[in-house]
């Protein structure tokens, strides 16, 4: 939490009171500006998925030597009192450090719990954050095309819930945006997950986009889940380097050009032939004039396993993100957020170090490679929250 010391003001007030003069009031800070266009005209917003339990935003900023333009926070939805306090703490850190909060809402209790009343309460809170100077992008129920979350592979219920939240946010929190963000479609329909659409259900029928009676890699991994242009402000995609071959988890360098190939549906490499995956960038960014985000990305490195060293793996991946052709050839790509976590990943049964700012050699190399068009946040200026 960022608190402003009042020590100086107290001393001045006491001194003036002793002389019998009235203490002058400090000039009020200008009202906070409520941003309504969160995508930059040029450049790409550099962001971070911060592990809030182990590092504050100020610590990360000092460690990296720059202010991230976007900071990702996760919260269950509906939110409990504890969840609300956690989000408010994240908002205060962003307010003190600068940038935009990307709030990822996870409806673990099911999409049926996403009601108009709860969405309205959320939107009013967001409006308060916006008027305190913190823009918010809501990423609702991310990776909904996967089979690993409670809200996964339920296209009709998902679209309906997304629209409920979007309607409230657009009506009551004009300083906030809505982001639709599936997982990269390679490997779809991600068979075997706990929440895979069961054959014969209405969900499976809706996901059978080619009409052959089954959900398979031949079906569109994105279109059934799209809530519509009116509901969506940003389109995004989780896109990681997990390794090059199934079952993943090996410390290997990413193939050259892999990032842009997967973003555009042109990947055909060691991880499989994904040429049937749609061109996400063109279909959902360019064709719809939506800013495109990579809300989560990183490259797998497992300390307990042999193979390529962490710096080589991570640098090979971030250099693909920093390809100088990107701002010229992909002008709708407006945000990339690194996943700055060291955590157990059940998919590979190991602790994965996704970070770039913790190890000195990795951090120094990352900073040295940062391009000028990968923009951070400006230093925040004191402002007075607007009335809600």
Foldseek 3Di string as FASTA:
>chain_A
DDDDDCVVVVVQCVVCVVVVHHRDDPDAFAFADQDQDQFDQFFAFEAAADPVVVDAQVRLCVLLVFFGQEYEDEAEPPHDPVRVVVVVVNLVSCQQFDHEYEYEYAPQVALVSLDLVSLLVVLQVLQQSSLQHHAYEYEYNEQQLEQAGRNHLQQVSLLVSLQSNLVNNVVRRSSYFYEYEHEQLVPPPHPPHPRRDDQPDPSQVLQPQVPPRGHDLLTASPVSNDNDLVRHQAYEYADEAQDQDPPGDAPEADDPPVVQCSCQLNDDDSHHRRVSHHNNLCPPPVVSVHQYENAEYFYWDAPVHDDDDPLRRGVSVVVSVVPVCCCVPRVSHHYYYYHQDFQQDPSNRGTTGRHQSPDPVSSVVVSVSDDPSNDRGDRRDDHDRDDD
